[in-house]
Amino acid sequence: MGFFRKKPRTDGRLSSREEELLERISELEEFIEGAPERIRREMEKEISTMPPPDDLDDRRREIKFYSRLSRGEIRNEHRYQTRSAFVFLLLVTGILMLSFWIYSVLQSV
């Protein structure tokens, strides 16, 4: 590109500061020239890379859970979870029935 680069003087002597600046300018110009290709490569890499699954932590926790427990302990855990789900279902049913009863009493008033 070389838009901002000035040609070095012909007297043959540049100060070290000017040489550093010219070197830095050429580095930045190369960086700018390579930007579209670099951005394209990054986008391709991002598109082709699969993100980790959302449930990765849950899977690891489950594997660790099952590796530490015996069959009897696992059976007891399933039984406890089933009982808890049943109690939750009864609770939700009771709340719905109570809400319906209150609604019907308020409608008759």
PDB file of N, CA and C in Angstrom:
ATOM      1  N   MET A   1       0.834  -1.178   0.000  1.00  0.00           N
ATOM      2  CA  MET A   1       0.000   0.000   0.000  1.00  0.00           C
ATOM      3  C   MET A   1       0.874   1.235   0.000  1.00  0.00           C
ATOM      4  N   GLY A   2       1.562   1.490   1.050  1.00  0.00           N
ATOM      5  CA  GLY A   2       2.526   2.562   1.070  1.00  0.00           C
ATOM      6  C   GLY A   2       1.939   3.946   0.972  1.00  0.00           C
ATOM      7  N   PHE A   3       0.751   4.171   1.462  1.00  0.00           N
ATOM      8  CA  PHE A   3       0.143   5.493   1.391  1.00  0.00           C
ATOM      9  C   PHE A   3       0.895   6.514   2.239  1.00  0.00           C
ATOM     10  N   PHE A   4       1.310   6.087   3.407  1.00  0.00           N
ATOM     11  CA  PHE A   4       1.888   7.030   4.346  1.00  0.00           C
ATOM     12  C   PHE A   4       3.408   7.018   4.347  1.00  0.00           C
ATOM     13  N   ARG A   5       3.983   6.111   3.649  1.00  0.00           N
ATOM     14  CA  ARG A   5       5.438   5.986   3.669  1.00  0.00           C
ATOM     15  C   ARG A   5       6.061   7.063   2.786  1.00  0.00           C
ATOM     16  N   LYS A   6       7.004   7.759   3.356  1.00  0.00           N
ATOM     17  CA  LYS A   6       7.771   8.730   2.574  1.00  0.00           C
ATOM     18  C   LYS A   6       9.068   8.051   2.173  1.00  0.00           C
ATOM     19  N   LYS A   7       9.528   8.400   1.033  1.00  0.00           N
ATOM     20  CA  LYS A   7      10.773   7.813   0.568  1.00  0.00           C
ATOM     21  C   LYS A   7      11.918   8.340   1.424  1.00  0.00           C
ATOM     22  N   PRO A   8      12.860   7.449   1.780  1.00  0.00           N
ATOM     23  CA  PRO A   8      13.988   7.919   2.590  1.00  0.00           C
ATOM     24  C   PRO A   8      14.802   8.954   1.834  1.00  0.00           C
ATOM     25  N   ARG A   9      15.436   9.799   2.605  1.00  0.00           N
ATOM     26  CA  ARG A   9      16.260  10.855   2.001  1.00  0.00           C
ATOM     27  C   ARG A   9      17.433  10.232   1.258  1.00  0.00           C
ATOM     28  N   THR A  10      17.878  10.951   0.301  1.00  0.00           N
ATOM     29  CA  THR A  10      18.963  10.424  -0.517  1.00  0.00           C
ATOM     30  C   THR A  10      20.349  10.731   0.040  1.00  0.00           C
ATOM     31  N   ASP A  11      20.389  11.478   1.124  1.00  0.00           N
ATOM     32  CA  ASP A  11      21.710  11.783   1.667  1.00  0.00           C
ATOM     33  C   ASP A  11      22.339  10.573   2.333  1.00  0.00           C
ATOM     34  N   GLY A  12      21.568   9.477   2.489  1.00  0.00           N
ATOM     35  CA  GLY A  12      22.117   8.218   2.946  1.00  0.00           C
ATOM     36  C   GLY A  12      22.158   8.036   4.450  1.00  0.00           C
ATOM     37  N   ARG A  13      21.799   9.033   5.206  1.00  0.00           N
ATOM     38  CA  ARG A  13      21.883   8.885   6.653  1.00  0.00           C
ATOM     39  C   ARG A  13      20.519   9.172   7.278  1.00  0.00           C
ATOM     40  N   LEU A  14      19.987   8.173   7.987  1.00  0.00           N
ATOM     41  CA  LEU A  14      18.757   8.341   8.742  1.00  0.00           C
ATOM     42  C   LEU A  14      19.094   8.149  10.208  1.00  0.00           C
ATOM     43  N   SER A  15      18.427   8.903  10.999  1.00  0.00           N
ATOM     44  CA  SER A  15      18.642   8.707  12.428  1.00  0.00           C
ATOM     45  C   SER A  15      18.009   7.378  12.837  1.00  0.00           C
ATOM     46  N   SER A  16      18.422   6.865  13.962  1.00  0.00           N
ATOM     47  CA  SER A  16      17.883   5.583  14.416  1.00  0.00           C
ATOM     48  C   SER A  16      16.389   5.696  14.702  1.00  0.00           C
ATOM     49  N   ARG A  17      15.968   6.854  15.160  1.00  0.00           N
ATOM     50  CA  ARG A  17      14.535   7.071  15.427  1.00  0.00           C
ATOM     51  C   ARG A  17      13.740   6.995  14.131  1.00  0.00           C
ATOM     52  N   GLU A  18      14.250   7.613  13.070  1.00  0.00           N
ATOM     53  CA  GLU A  18      13.557   7.576  11.781  1.00  0.00           C
ATOM     54  C   GLU A  18      13.515   6.147  11.236  1.00  0.00           C
ATOM     55  N   GLU A  19      14.605   5.407  11.417  1.00  0.00           N
ATOM     56  CA  GLU A  19      14.622   4.017  10.969  1.00  0.00           C
ATOM     57  C   GLU A  19      13.606   3.181  11.733  1.00  0.00           C
ATOM     58  N   GLU A  20      13.506   3.392  13.034  1.00  0.00           N
ATOM     59  CA  GLU A  20      12.514   2.672  13.839  1.00  0.00           C
ATOM     60  C   GLU A  20      11.102   3.009  13.396  1.00  0.00           C
ATOM     61  N   LEU A  21      10.876   4.305  13.131  1.00  0.00           N
ATOM     62  CA  LEU A  21       9.542   4.726  12.681  1.00  0.00           C
ATOM     63  C   LEU A  21       9.199   4.117  11.327  1.00  0.00           C
ATOM     64  N   LEU A  22      10.152   4.139  10.396  1.00  0.00           N
ATOM     65  CA  LEU A  22       9.892   3.540   9.085  1.00  0.00           C
ATOM     66  C   LEU A  22       9.641   2.037   9.197  1.00  0.00           C
ATOM     67  N   GLU A  23      10.375   1.389  10.068  1.00  0.00           N
ATOM     68  CA  GLU A  23      10.176  -0.040  10.286  1.00  0.00           C
ATOM     69  C   GLU A  23       8.802  -0.315  10.875  1.00  0.00           C
ATOM     70  N   ARG A  24       8.417   0.496  11.839  1.00  0.00           N
ATOM     71  CA  ARG A  24       7.091   0.347  12.467  1.00  0.00           C
ATOM     72  C   ARG A  24       5.978   0.617  11.464  1.00  0.00           C
ATOM     73  N   ILE A  25       6.161   1.633  10.633  1.00  0.00           N
ATOM     74  CA  ILE A  25       5.165   1.949   9.605  1.00  0.00           C
ATOM     75  C   ILE A  25       5.021   0.787   8.637  1.00  0.00           C
ATOM     76  N   SER A  26       6.130   0.191   8.227  1.00  0.00           N
ATOM     77  CA  SER A  26       6.036  -0.941   7.297  1.00  0.00           C
ATOM     78  C   SER A  26       5.349  -2.134   7.959  1.00  0.00           C
ATOM     79  N   GLU A  27       5.615  -2.359   9.264  1.00  0.00           N
ATOM     80  CA  GLU A  27       4.918  -3.436   9.979  1.00  0.00           C
ATOM     81  C   GLU A  27       3.416  -3.194  10.010  1.00  0.00           C
ATOM     82  N   LEU A  28       3.020  -1.957  10.294  1.00  0.00           N
ATOM     83  CA  LEU A  28       1.591  -1.634  10.355  1.00  0.00           C
ATOM     84  C   LEU A  28       0.934  -1.755   8.984  1.00  0.00           C
ATOM     85  N   GLU A  29       1.653  -1.343   7.929  1.00  0.00           N
ATOM     86  CA  GLU A  29       1.099  -1.485   6.583  1.00  0.00           C
ATOM     87  C   GLU A  29       0.894  -2.958   6.234  1.00  0.00           C
ATOM     88  N   GLU A  30       1.846  -3.801   6.593  1.00  0.00           N
ATOM     89  CA  GLU A  30       1.691  -5.234   6.350  1.00  0.00           C
ATOM     90  C   GLU A  30       0.526  -5.796   7.156  1.00  0.00           C
ATOM     91  N   PHE A  31       0.378  -5.306   8.378  1.00  0.00           N
ATOM     92  CA  PHE A  31      -0.742  -5.741   9.216  1.00  0.00           C
ATOM     93  C   PHE A  31      -2.069  -5.368   8.580  1.00  0.00           C
ATOM     94  N   ILE A  32      -2.158  -4.142   8.053  1.00  0.00           N
ATOM     95  CA  ILE A  32      -3.398  -3.674   7.425  1.00  0.00           C
ATOM     96  C   ILE A  32      -3.666  -4.445   6.138  1.00  0.00           C
ATOM     97  N   GLU A  33      -2.627  -4.696   5.354  1.00  0.00           N
ATOM     98  CA  GLU A  33      -2.808  -5.436   4.108  1.00  0.00           C
ATOM     99  C   GLU A  33      -3.271  -6.863   4.364  1.00  0.00           C
ATOM    100  N   GLY A  34      -2.815  -7.481   5.439  1.00  0.00           N
ATOM    101  CA  GLY A  34      -3.180  -8.861   5.729  1.00  0.00           C
ATOM    102  C   GLY A  34      -4.458  -9.002   6.524  1.00  0.00           C
ATOM    103  N   ALA A  35      -5.082  -7.889   6.891  1.00  0.00           N
ATOM    104  CA  ALA A  35      -6.275  -7.947   7.741  1.00  0.00           C
ATOM    105  C   ALA A  35      -7.440  -8.703   7.094  1.00  0.00           C
ATOM    106  N   PRO A  36      -7.817  -8.432   5.841  1.00  0.00           N
ATOM    107  CA  PRO A  36      -8.964  -9.165   5.273  1.00  0.00           C
ATOM    108  C   PRO A  36      -8.763 -10.674   5.267  1.00  0.00           C
ATOM    109  N   GLU A  37      -7.562 -11.113   4.903  1.00  0.00           N
ATOM    110  CA  GLU A  37      -7.292 -12.549   4.882  1.00  0.00           C
ATOM    111  C   GLU A  37      -7.345 -13.132   6.290  1.00  0.00           C
ATOM    112  N   ARG A  38      -6.786 -12.418   7.251  1.00  0.00           N
ATOM    113  CA  ARG A  38      -6.783 -12.880   8.639  1.00  0.00           C
ATOM    114  C   ARG A  38      -8.216 -12.949   9.183  1.00  0.00           C
ATOM    115  N   ILE A  39      -9.008 -11.942   8.881  1.00  0.00           N
ATOM    116  CA  ILE A  39     -10.407 -11.940   9.340  1.00  0.00           C
ATOM    117  C   ILE A  39     -11.171 -13.101   8.706  1.00  0.00           C
ATOM    118  N   ARG A  40     -10.914 -13.358   7.407  1.00  0.00           N
ATOM    119  CA  ARG A  40     -11.596 -14.465   6.727  1.00  0.00           C
ATOM    120  C   ARG A  40     -11.226 -15.801   7.369  1.00  0.00           C
ATOM    121  N   ARG A  41      -9.933 -15.992   7.676  1.00  0.00           N
ATOM    122  CA  ARG A  41      -9.499 -17.233   8.321  1.00  0.00           C
ATOM    123  C   ARG A  41     -10.141 -17.398   9.700  1.00  0.00           C
ATOM    124  N   GLU A  42     -10.200 -16.303  10.462  1.00  0.00           N
ATOM    125  CA  GLU A  42     -10.818 -16.378  11.795  1.00  0.00           C
ATOM    126  C   GLU A  42     -12.298 -16.730  11.693  1.00  0.00           C
ATOM    127  N   MET A  43     -12.998 -16.141  10.720  1.00  0.00           N
ATOM    128  CA  MET A  43     -14.425 -16.444  10.550  1.00  0.00           C
ATOM    129  C   MET A  43     -14.614 -17.903  10.140  1.00  0.00           C
ATOM    130  N   GLU A  44     -13.774 -18.409   9.245  1.00  0.00           N
ATOM    131  CA  GLU A  44     -13.876 -19.814   8.838  1.00  0.00           C
ATOM    132  C   GLU A  44     -13.615 -20.734  10.017  1.00  0.00           C
ATOM    133  N   LYS A  45     -12.632 -20.391  10.825  1.00  0.00           N
ATOM    134  CA  LYS A  45     -12.328 -21.205  11.995  1.00  0.00           C
ATOM    135  C   LYS A  45     -13.488 -21.191  12.977  1.00  0.00           C
ATOM    136  N   GLU A  46     -14.084 -20.020  13.183  1.00  0.00           N
ATOM    137  CA  GLU A  46     -15.223 -19.909  14.103  1.00  0.00           C
ATOM    138  C   GLU A  46     -16.419 -20.705  13.602  1.00  0.00           C
ATOM    139  N   ILE A  47     -16.641 -20.657  12.296  1.00  0.00           N
ATOM    140  CA  ILE A  47     -17.782 -21.385  11.722  1.00  0.00           C
ATOM    141  C   ILE A  47     -17.560 -22.892  11.810  1.00  0.00           C
ATOM    142  N   SER A  48     -16.326 -23.336  11.572  1.00  0.00           N
ATOM    143  CA  SER A  48     -16.076 -24.772  11.538  1.00  0.00           C
ATOM    144  C   SER A  48     -15.860 -25.382  12.913  1.00  0.00           C
ATOM    145  N   THR A  49     -15.676 -24.576  13.933  1.00  0.00           N
ATOM    146  CA  THR A  49     -15.456 -25.094  15.281  1.00  0.00           C
ATOM    147  C   THR A  49     -16.792 -25.259  15.988  1.00  0.00           C
ATOM    148  N   MET A  50     -17.028 -26.461  16.501  1.00  0.00           N
ATOM    149  CA  MET A  50     -18.273 -26.708  17.227  1.00  0.00           C
ATOM    150  C   MET A  50     -18.109 -26.275  18.675  1.00  0.00           C
ATOM    151  N   PRO A  51     -19.124 -25.602  19.213  1.00  0.00           N
ATOM    152  CA  PRO A  51     -19.043 -25.235  20.626  1.00  0.00           C
ATOM    153  C   PRO A  51     -19.267 -26.470  21.499  1.00  0.00           C
ATOM    154  N   PRO A  52     -18.807 -26.431  22.735  1.00  0.00           N
ATOM    155  CA  PRO A  52     -19.046 -27.583  23.614  1.00  0.00           C
ATOM    156  C   PRO A  52     -20.536 -27.705  23.912  1.00  0.00           C
ATOM    157  N   PRO A  53     -21.007 -28.913  24.145  1.00  0.00           N
ATOM    158  CA  PRO A  53     -22.435 -29.074  24.446  1.00  0.00           C
ATOM    159  C   PRO A  53     -22.802 -28.367  25.745  1.00  0.00           C
ATOM    160  N   ASP A  54     -24.059 -27.907  25.803  1.00  0.00           N
ATOM    161  CA  ASP A  54     -24.524 -27.163  26.969  1.00  0.00           C
ATOM    162  C   ASP A  54     -24.578 -28.030  28.212  1.00  0.00           C
ATOM    163  N   ASP A  55     -24.825 -29.318  28.030  1.00  0.00           N
ATOM    164  CA  ASP A  55     -25.003 -30.188  29.189  1.00  0.00           C
ATOM    165  C   ASP A  55     -23.723 -30.926  29.561  1.00  0.00           C
ATOM    166  N   LEU A  56     -22.575 -30.398  29.184  1.00  0.00           N
ATOM    167  CA  LEU A  56     -21.311 -31.066  29.470  1.00  0.00           C
ATOM    168  C   LEU A  56     -21.087 -31.202  30.978  1.00  0.00           C
ATOM    169  N   ASP A  57     -21.383 -30.157  31.737  1.00  0.00           N
ATOM    170  CA  ASP A  57     -21.217 -30.228  33.195  1.00  0.00           C
ATOM    171  C   ASP A  57     -22.148 -31.269  33.799  1.00  0.00           C
ATOM    172  N   ASP A  58     -23.393 -31.327  33.302  1.00  0.00           N
ATOM    173  CA  ASP A  58     -24.340 -32.314  33.809  1.00  0.00           C
ATOM    174  C   ASP A  58     -23.865 -33.737  33.512  1.00  0.00           C
ATOM    175  N   ARG A  59     -23.328 -33.945  32.321  1.00  0.00           N
ATOM    176  CA  ARG A  59     -22.824 -35.276  31.962  1.00  0.00           C
ATOM    177  C   ARG A  59     -21.675 -35.685  32.875  1.00  0.00           C
ATOM    178  N   ARG A  60     -20.741 -34.765  33.103  1.00  0.00           N
ATOM    179  CA  ARG A  60     -19.612 -35.089  33.971  1.00  0.00           C
ATOM    180  C   ARG A  60     -20.076 -35.392  35.388  1.00  0.00           C
ATOM    181  N   ARG A  61     -21.032 -34.607  35.893  1.00  0.00           N
ATOM    182  CA  ARG A  61     -21.548 -34.826  37.240  1.00  0.00           C
ATOM    183  C   ARG A  61     -22.239 -36.177  37.330  1.00  0.00           C
ATOM    184  N   GLU A  62     -23.013 -36.546  36.301  1.00  0.00           N
ATOM    185  CA  GLU A  62     -23.709 -37.824  36.292  1.00  0.00           C
ATOM    186  C   GLU A  62     -22.718 -38.990  36.242  1.00  0.00           C
ATOM    187  N   ILE A  63     -21.693 -38.862  35.414  1.00  0.00           N
ATOM    188  CA  ILE A  63     -20.685 -39.932  35.334  1.00  0.00           C
ATOM    189  C   ILE A  63     -19.981 -40.096  36.667  1.00  0.00           C
ATOM    190  N   LYS A  64     -19.634 -38.991  37.300  1.00  0.00           N
ATOM    191  CA  LYS A  64     -18.971 -39.068  38.606  1.00  0.00           C
ATOM    192  C   LYS A  64     -19.913 -39.676  39.650  1.00  0.00           C
ATOM    193  N   PHE A  65     -21.192 -39.311  39.571  1.00  0.00           N
ATOM    194  CA  PHE A  65     -22.191 -39.839  40.507  1.00  0.00           C
ATOM    195  C   PHE A  65     -22.306 -41.355  40.376  1.00  0.00           C
ATOM    196  N   TYR A  66     -22.442 -41.838  39.139  1.00  0.00           N
ATOM    197  CA  TYR A  66     -22.630 -43.268  38.926  1.00  0.00           C
ATOM    198  C   TYR A  66     -21.354 -44.067  39.185  1.00  0.00           C
ATOM    199  N   SER A  67     -20.202 -43.453  38.990  1.00  0.00           N
ATOM    200  CA  SER A  67     -18.967 -44.195  39.226  1.00  0.00           C
ATOM    201  C   SER A  67     -18.702 -44.399  40.721  1.00  0.00           C
ATOM    202  N   ARG A  68     -19.273 -43.566  41.574  1.00  0.00           N
ATOM    203  CA  ARG A  68     -19.019 -43.670  43.010  1.00  0.00           C
ATOM    204  C   ARG A  68     -20.047 -44.510  43.755  1.00  0.00           C
ATOM    205  N   LEU A  69     -21.196 -44.784  43.148  1.00  0.00           N
ATOM    206  CA  LEU A  69     -22.270 -45.467  43.870  1.00  0.00           C
ATOM    207  C   LEU A  69     -22.408 -46.926  43.434  1.00  0.00           C
ATOM    208  N   SER A  70     -22.916 -47.723  44.343  1.00  0.00           N
ATOM    209  CA  SER A  70     -23.204 -49.116  44.020  1.00  0.00           C
ATOM    210  C   SER A  70     -24.609 -49.203  43.438  1.00  0.00           C
ATOM    211  N   ARG A  71     -24.991 -50.408  42.999  1.00  0.00           N
ATOM    212  CA  ARG A  71     -26.327 -50.573  42.409  1.00  0.00           C
ATOM    213  C   ARG A  71     -27.432 -50.290  43.413  1.00  0.00           C
ATOM    214  N   GLY A  72     -27.246 -50.749  44.634  1.00  0.00           N
ATOM    215  CA  GLY A  72     -28.269 -50.510  45.658  1.00  0.00           C
ATOM    216  C   GLY A  72     -28.452 -49.028  45.947  1.00  0.00           C
ATOM    217  N   GLU A  73     -27.350 -48.309  46.000  1.00  0.00           N
ATOM    218  CA  GLU A  73     -27.449 -46.872  46.243  1.00  0.00           C
ATOM    219  C   GLU A  73     -28.124 -46.152  45.083  1.00  0.00           C
ATOM    220  N   ILE A  74     -27.836 -46.597  43.873  1.00  0.00           N
ATOM    221  CA  ILE A  74     -28.485 -46.002  42.706  1.00  0.00           C
ATOM    222  C   ILE A  74     -29.977 -46.297  42.724  1.00  0.00           C
ATOM    223  N   ARG A  75     -30.355 -47.539  43.060  1.00  0.00           N
ATOM    224  CA  ARG A  75     -31.766 -47.905  43.146  1.00  0.00           C
ATOM    225  C   ARG A  75     -32.479 -47.054  44.197  1.00  0.00           C
ATOM    226  N   ASN A  76     -31.848 -46.864  45.350  1.00  0.00           N
ATOM    227  CA  ASN A  76     -32.436 -46.022  46.397  1.00  0.00           C
ATOM    228  C   ASN A  76     -32.595 -44.579  45.921  1.00  0.00           C
ATOM    229  N   GLU A  77     -31.600 -44.089  45.181  1.00  0.00           N
ATOM    230  CA  GLU A  77     -31.678 -42.715  44.667  1.00  0.00           C
ATOM    231  C   GLU A  77     -32.832 -42.570  43.685  1.00  0.00           C
ATOM    232  N   HIS A  78     -33.007 -43.550  42.786  1.00  0.00           N
ATOM    233  CA  HIS A  78     -34.142 -43.506  41.849  1.00  0.00           C
ATOM    234  C   HIS A  78     -35.472 -43.567  42.599  1.00  0.00           C
ATOM    235  N   ARG A  79     -35.536 -44.391  43.614  1.00  0.00           N
ATOM    236  CA  ARG A  79     -36.757 -44.495  44.407  1.00  0.00           C
ATOM    237  C   ARG A  79     -37.069 -43.155  45.075  1.00  0.00           C
ATOM    238  N   TYR A  80     -36.063 -42.522  45.626  1.00  0.00           N
ATOM    239  CA  TYR A  80     -36.244 -41.237  46.286  1.00  0.00           C
ATOM    240  C   TYR A  80     -36.692 -40.167  45.289  1.00  0.00           C
ATOM    241  N   GLN A  81     -36.089 -40.159  44.100  1.00  0.00           N
ATOM    242  CA  GLN A  81     -36.480 -39.184  43.080  1.00  0.00           C
ATOM    243  C   GLN A  81     -37.911 -39.416  42.617  1.00  0.00           C
ATOM    244  N   THR A  82     -38.317 -40.704  42.480  1.00  0.00           N
ATOM    245  CA  THR A  82     -39.691 -41.016  42.074  1.00  0.00           C
ATOM    246  C   THR A  82     -40.677 -40.551  43.136  1.00  0.00           C
ATOM    247  N   ARG A  83     -40.355 -40.809  44.406  1.00  0.00           N
ATOM    248  CA  ARG A  83     -41.214 -40.373  45.492  1.00  0.00           C
ATOM    249  C   ARG A  83     -41.317 -38.848  45.518  1.00  0.00           C
ATOM    250  N   SER A  84     -40.213 -38.169  45.317  1.00  0.00           N
ATOM    251  CA  SER A  84     -40.222 -36.712  45.316  1.00  0.00           C
ATOM    252  C   SER A  84     -41.072 -36.174  44.169  1.00  0.00           C
ATOM    253  N   ALA A  85     -40.976 -36.801  42.998  1.00  0.00           N
ATOM    254  CA  ALA A  85     -41.783 -36.369  41.857  1.00  0.00           C
ATOM    255  C   ALA A  85     -43.262 -36.590  42.135  1.00  0.00           C
ATOM    256  N   PHE A  86     -43.601 -37.708  42.771  1.00  0.00           N
ATOM    257  CA  PHE A  86     -44.999 -37.991  43.098  1.00  0.00           C
ATOM    258  C   PHE A  86     -45.540 -36.959  44.098  1.00  0.00           C
ATOM    259  N   VAL A  87     -44.762 -36.634  45.116  1.00  0.00           N
ATOM    260  CA  VAL A  87     -45.183 -35.634  46.099  1.00  0.00           C
ATOM    261  C   VAL A  87     -45.347 -34.274  45.428  1.00  0.00           C
ATOM    262  N   PHE A  88     -44.451 -33.927  44.512  1.00  0.00           N
ATOM    263  CA  PHE A  88     -44.575 -32.666  43.778  1.00  0.00           C
ATOM    264  C   PHE A  88     -45.843 -32.641  42.946  1.00  0.00           C
ATOM    265  N   LEU A  89     -46.157 -33.746  42.284  1.00  0.00           N
ATOM    266  CA  LEU A  89     -47.378 -33.837  41.488  1.00  0.00           C
ATOM    267  C   LEU A  89     -48.618 -33.683  42.373  1.00  0.00           C
ATOM    268  N   LEU A  90     -48.615 -34.330  43.548  1.00  0.00           N
ATOM    269  CA  LEU A  90     -49.733 -34.157  44.483  1.00  0.00           C
ATOM    270  C   LEU A  90     -49.856 -32.709  44.942  1.00  0.00           C
ATOM    271  N   LEU A  91     -48.753 -32.050  45.201  1.00  0.00           N
ATOM    272  CA  LEU A  91     -48.765 -30.657  45.630  1.00  0.00           C
ATOM    273  C   LEU A  91     -49.361 -29.758  44.555  1.00  0.00           C
ATOM    274  N   VAL A  92     -48.939 -29.943  43.319  1.00  0.00           N
ATOM    275  CA  VAL A  92     -49.464 -29.130  42.222  1.00  0.00           C
ATOM    276  C   VAL A  92     -50.954 -29.398  42.031  1.00  0.00           C
ATOM    277  N   THR A  93     -51.373 -30.659  42.112  1.00  0.00           N
ATOM    278  CA  THR A  93     -52.791 -30.999  41.987  1.00  0.00           C
ATOM    279  C   THR A  93     -53.596 -30.366  43.105  1.00  0.00           C
ATOM    280  N   GLY A  94     -53.084 -30.412  44.331  1.00  0.00           N
ATOM    281  CA  GLY A  94     -53.778 -29.785  45.462  1.00  0.00           C
ATOM    282  C   GLY A  94     -53.914 -28.289  45.281  1.00  0.00           C
ATOM    283  N   ILE A  95     -52.872 -27.647  44.805  1.00  0.00           N
ATOM    284  CA  ILE A  95     -52.944 -26.201  44.583  1.00  0.00           C
ATOM    285  C   ILE A  95     -53.971 -25.873  43.519  1.00  0.00           C
ATOM    286  N   LEU A  96     -54.005 -26.644  42.449  1.00  0.00           N
ATOM    287  CA  LEU A  96     -54.994 -26.400  41.385  1.00  0.00           C
ATOM    288  C   LEU A  96     -56.420 -26.625  41.888  1.00  0.00           C
ATOM    289  N   MET A  97     -56.632 -27.693  42.648  1.00  0.00           N
ATOM    290  CA  MET A  97     -57.973 -27.968  43.177  1.00  0.00           C
ATOM    291  C   MET A  97     -58.412 -26.866  44.144  1.00  0.00           C
ATOM    292  N   LEU A  98     -57.506 -26.418  45.007  1.00  0.00           N
ATOM    293  CA  LEU A  98     -57.829 -25.347  45.953  1.00  0.00           C
ATOM    294  C   LEU A  98     -58.130 -24.054  45.204  1.00  0.00           C
ATOM    295  N   SER A  99     -57.364 -23.765  44.162  1.00  0.00           N
ATOM    296  CA  SER A  99     -57.616 -22.557  43.360  1.00  0.00           C
ATOM    297  C   SER A  99     -58.966 -22.648  42.672  1.00  0.00           C
ATOM    298  N   PHE A 100     -59.304 -23.817  42.130  1.00  0.00           N
ATOM    299  CA  PHE A 100     -60.605 -23.984  41.490  1.00  0.00           C
ATOM    300  C   PHE A 100     -61.739 -23.829  42.499  1.00  0.00           C
ATOM    301  N   TRP A 101     -61.574 -24.376  43.706  1.00  0.00           N
ATOM    302  CA  TRP A 101     -62.595 -24.274  44.744  1.00  0.00           C
ATOM    303  C   TRP A 101     -62.798 -22.808  45.150  1.00  0.00           C
ATOM    304  N   ILE A 102     -61.695 -22.070  45.341  1.00  0.00           N
ATOM    305  CA  ILE A 102     -61.813 -20.644  45.703  1.00  0.00           C
ATOM    306  C   ILE A 102     -62.486 -19.873  44.585  1.00  0.00           C
ATOM    307  N   TYR A 103     -62.149 -20.188  43.350  1.00  0.00           N
ATOM    308  CA  TYR A 103     -62.774 -19.514  42.206  1.00  0.00           C
ATOM    309  C   TYR A 103     -64.266 -19.794  42.162  1.00  0.00           C
ATOM    310  N   SER A 104     -64.671 -21.041  42.402  1.00  0.00           N
ATOM    311  CA  SER A 104     -66.094 -21.379  42.351  1.00  0.00           C
ATOM    312  C   SER A 104     -66.868 -20.714  43.493  1.00  0.00           C
ATOM    313  N   VAL A 105     -66.239 -20.622  44.694  1.00  0.00           N
ATOM    314  CA  VAL A 105     -66.901 -19.954  45.827  1.00  0.00           C
ATOM    315  C   VAL A 105     -67.056 -18.477  45.520  1.00  0.00           C
ATOM    316  N   LEU A 106     -66.058 -17.863  44.928  1.00  0.00           N
ATOM    317  CA  LEU A 106     -66.148 -16.437  44.613  1.00  0.00           C
ATOM    318  C   LEU A 106     -67.154 -16.176  43.491  1.00  0.00           C
ATOM    319  N   GLN A 107     -67.359 -17.117  42.603  1.00  0.00           N
ATOM    320  CA  GLN A 107     -68.337 -16.957  41.529  1.00  0.00           C
ATOM    321  C   GLN A 107     -69.758 -17.042  42.062  1.00  0.00           C
ATOM    322  N   SER A 108     -69.963 -17.843  43.115  1.00  0.00           N
ATOM    323  CA  SER A 108     -71.323 -18.002  43.647  1.00  0.00           C
ATOM    324  C   SER A 108     -71.723 -16.843  44.548  1.00  0.00           C
ATOM    325  N   VAL A 109     -70.807 -16.020  44.988  1.00  0.00           N
ATOM    326  CA  VAL A 109     -71.119 -14.891  45.873  1.00  0.00           C
ATOM    327  C   VAL A 109     -71.627 -13.735  45.116  1.00  0.00           C
TER     328      VAL A 109
END
